[in-house]
Amino acid sequence: MAEVKSMFREVLPKQGQLSVEDVTTMVLCKPKLLPLKSLTLEKLEKMQQAAQDTIRQQEMAEKEDQQIAH
């Protein structure tokens, strides 16, 4: 990789003290809301509910068929 030349050149003092002022401060950012349930979990629950509904419908149809047969 080629070194990129900047407009400014670094200057270090030959005499005296070198001081660096670096004050760390807290930065407030926008709160991020997380869903209580993930989308995948919601999809799985919907699929499970649909499967249970179809099983119930099949069981009801079987009971009706048995009652008609007797």
Protein backbone atom coordinates (compact mmCIF):
# COMPACT_ATOMS: atom_id res chain seq x y z
CA MET A 1 0.00 0.00 0.00
CA ALA A 2 1.21 3.47 -0.81
CA GLU A 3 1.47 5.93 2.03
CA VAL A 4 -0.96 8.82 1.75
CA LYS A 5 0.65 12.25 2.14
CA SER A 6 -1.43 14.67 4.17
CA MET A 7 -1.58 18.45 3.94
CA PHE A 8 -0.25 18.77 7.47
CA ARG A 9 3.05 17.54 8.76
CA GLU A 10 3.61 16.41 12.32
CA VAL A 11 5.63 18.79 14.47
CA LEU A 12 7.07 17.71 17.81
CA PRO A 13 8.60 20.32 20.12
CA LYS A 14 12.35 20.09 20.72
CA GLN A 15 12.13 21.95 24.05
CA GLY A 16 9.48 22.24 26.76
CA GLN A 17 6.69 19.90 27.69
CA LEU A 18 4.32 18.06 25.44
CA SER A 19 0.81 17.87 26.83
CA VAL A 20 -2.18 16.07 25.45
CA GLU A 21 -5.67 17.02 26.51
CA ASP A 22 -7.98 14.11 26.02
CA VAL A 23 -11.14 14.39 28.05
CA THR A 24 -13.41 11.39 27.84
CA THR A 25 -17.04 12.29 28.00
CA MET A 26 -20.18 10.24 27.77
CA VAL A 27 -21.96 10.48 24.47
CA LEU A 28 -25.72 10.13 24.59
CA CYS A 29 -27.26 8.34 21.69
CA LYS A 30 -30.77 7.52 20.64
CA PRO A 31 -32.22 4.57 22.59
CA LYS A 32 -32.76 1.44 20.56
CA LEU A 33 -35.91 -0.50 21.30
CA LEU A 34 -35.58 -4.24 21.05
CA PRO A 35 -38.60 -6.39 20.32
CA LEU A 36 -39.73 -8.64 23.15
CA LYS A 37 -40.04 -11.52 20.70
CA SER A 38 -37.90 -12.08 17.66
CA LEU A 39 -39.53 -12.26 14.27
CA THR A 40 -38.44 -15.88 13.92
CA LEU A 41 -40.11 -16.81 17.21
CA GLU A 42 -43.33 -15.09 16.13
CA LYS A 43 -43.30 -17.00 12.82
CA LEU A 44 -42.75 -20.29 14.65
CA GLU A 45 -45.62 -19.55 17.03
CA LYS A 46 -47.94 -18.75 14.11
CA MET A 47 -46.96 -21.98 12.35
CA GLN A 48 -47.55 -23.98 15.54
CA GLN A 49 -50.94 -22.33 16.10
CA ALA A 50 -51.96 -23.08 12.51
CA ALA A 51 -50.92 -26.72 12.89
CA GLN A 52 -52.92 -27.04 16.11
CA ASP A 53 -55.96 -25.50 14.43
CA THR A 54 -55.82 -27.98 11.55
CA ILE A 55 -55.48 -30.89 14.00
CA ARG A 56 -58.53 -29.67 15.93
CA GLN A 57 -60.53 -29.39 12.70
CA GLN A 58 -59.54 -32.93 11.70
CA GLU A 59 -60.50 -34.28 15.13
CA MET A 60 -63.88 -32.52 14.96
CA ALA A 61 -64.48 -33.97 11.47
CA GLU A 62 -63.59 -37.48 12.73
CA LYS A 63 -66.00 -37.15 15.69
CA GLU A 64 -68.79 -36.06 13.36
CA ASP A 65 -68.09 -39.00 11.06
CA GLN A 66 -68.23 -41.41 14.02
CA GLN A 67 -71.51 -39.93 15.25
CA ILE A 68 -73.05 -40.26 11.78
CA ALA A 69 -71.85 -43.87 11.48
CA HIS A 70 -73.53 -44.91 14.77
